């Protein structure tokens, strides 16, 4: 699942989510939203890929779900703290 931040024609922040990046773009175009960027990608992967991703300069953080922790998305936590 992909999550994105956009603004509507009144400048109000909106969140978009879709199963694909193309789906995000389609929603933004249909609603005439100004797409500001992808804020979160949610999915399953193996440990070796996650270890490689954590060092990518484009990745701010990786949250990993386990039996005791349910990630909530760091971007949304930041927005809610303002």
Protein backbone atom coordinates (compact mmCIF):
# COMPACT_ATOMS: atom_id res chain seq x y z
CA UNK A 1 0.00 0.00 0.00
CA UNK A 2 1.27 3.48 -0.86
CA UNK A 3 0.42 6.62 1.10
CA UNK A 4 0.95 10.16 -0.17
CA UNK A 5 0.52 13.76 0.89
CA UNK A 6 -1.25 16.24 -1.38
CA UNK A 7 -3.08 19.55 -1.17
CA UNK A 8 -6.46 20.35 -2.64
CA UNK A 9 -7.34 23.53 -4.57
CA UNK A 10 -7.97 25.31 -1.24
CA UNK A 11 -4.48 24.46 0.04
CA UNK A 12 -5.77 21.95 2.60
CA UNK A 13 -3.55 18.91 3.23
CA UNK A 14 -5.06 15.60 2.20
CA UNK A 15 -3.80 12.04 2.40
CA UNK A 16 -4.11 9.61 -0.49
CA UNK A 17 -3.63 5.86 -0.36
CA UNK A 18 -3.68 3.25 -3.11
CA UNK A 19 -2.30 -0.18 -3.89
CA UNK A 20 0.08 1.18 -6.53
CA UNK A 21 2.06 4.34 -7.22
CA UNK A 22 0.06 4.72 -10.43
CA UNK A 23 -3.09 4.59 -8.31
CA UNK A 24 -1.80 7.50 -6.23
CA UNK A 25 -1.19 9.54 -9.39
CA UNK A 26 -4.62 8.67 -10.82
CA UNK A 27 -6.41 9.79 -7.65
CA UNK A 28 -4.40 13.02 -7.48
CA UNK A 29 -5.16 13.78 -11.15
CA UNK A 30 -8.87 12.93 -10.90
CA UNK A 31 -9.33 15.06 -7.78
CA UNK A 32 -7.05 17.83 -9.11
CA UNK A 33 -4.83 17.52 -6.03
CA UNK A 34 -1.26 18.83 -5.98
CA UNK A 35 0.72 15.68 -5.17
CA UNK A 36 3.57 16.53 -2.79
CA UNK A 37 5.09 13.09 -2.35
CA UNK A 38 4.92 9.55 -1.09
CA UNK A 39 4.99 9.45 2.70
CA UNK A 40 4.81 5.73 3.41
CA UNK A 41 5.04 2.37 1.70
CA UNK A 42 3.57 -0.62 3.49
CA UNK A 43 4.25 -4.21 2.50
CA UNK A 44 6.07 -7.43 3.17
CA UNK A 45 9.71 -8.12 2.40
CA UNK A 46 12.54 -10.30 3.61
CA UNK A 47 15.12 -9.18 6.16
CA UNK A 48 18.02 -8.90 3.71
CA UNK A 49 16.10 -6.43 1.52
CA UNK A 50 15.07 -4.36 4.54
CA UNK A 51 18.69 -4.19 5.71
CA UNK A 52 19.72 -2.88 2.26
CA UNK A 53 16.89 -0.33 2.22
CA UNK A 54 17.80 1.16 5.60
CA UNK A 55 21.03 2.50 4.08
CA UNK A 56 19.40 4.09 1.01
CA UNK A 57 19.62 7.88 1.10
CA UNK A 58 16.00 8.18 -0.08
CA UNK A 59 14.69 6.20 2.91
CA UNK A 60 14.17 8.15 6.12
CA UNK A 61 13.14 5.25 8.36
CA UNK A 62 11.89 1.69 8.30
CA UNK A 63 9.40 0.46 10.87
CA UNK A 64 9.11 -3.30 11.23
CA UNK A 65 6.05 -5.08 12.57
CA UNK A 66 6.39 -7.95 14.99
CA UNK A 67 4.25 -9.64 17.64
CA UNK A 68 4.54 -6.66 20.02
CA UNK A 69 4.81 -3.65 17.66
CA UNK A 70 2.41 -2.30 15.04
CA UNK A 71 4.02 0.50 12.97
CA UNK A 72 1.89 3.62 12.63
CA UNK A 73 3.94 5.60 10.11
CA UNK A 74 6.44 8.20 11.25
CA UNK A 75 5.15 10.87 8.86
CA UNK A 76 1.65 10.78 10.35
CA UNK A 77 3.10 10.97 13.86
CA UNK A 78 5.05 14.08 12.83
CA UNK A 79 1.99 15.74 11.26
CA UNK A 80 -0.14 15.00 14.35
CA UNK A 81 2.48 16.56 16.65
CA UNK A 82 2.18 20.01 15.00
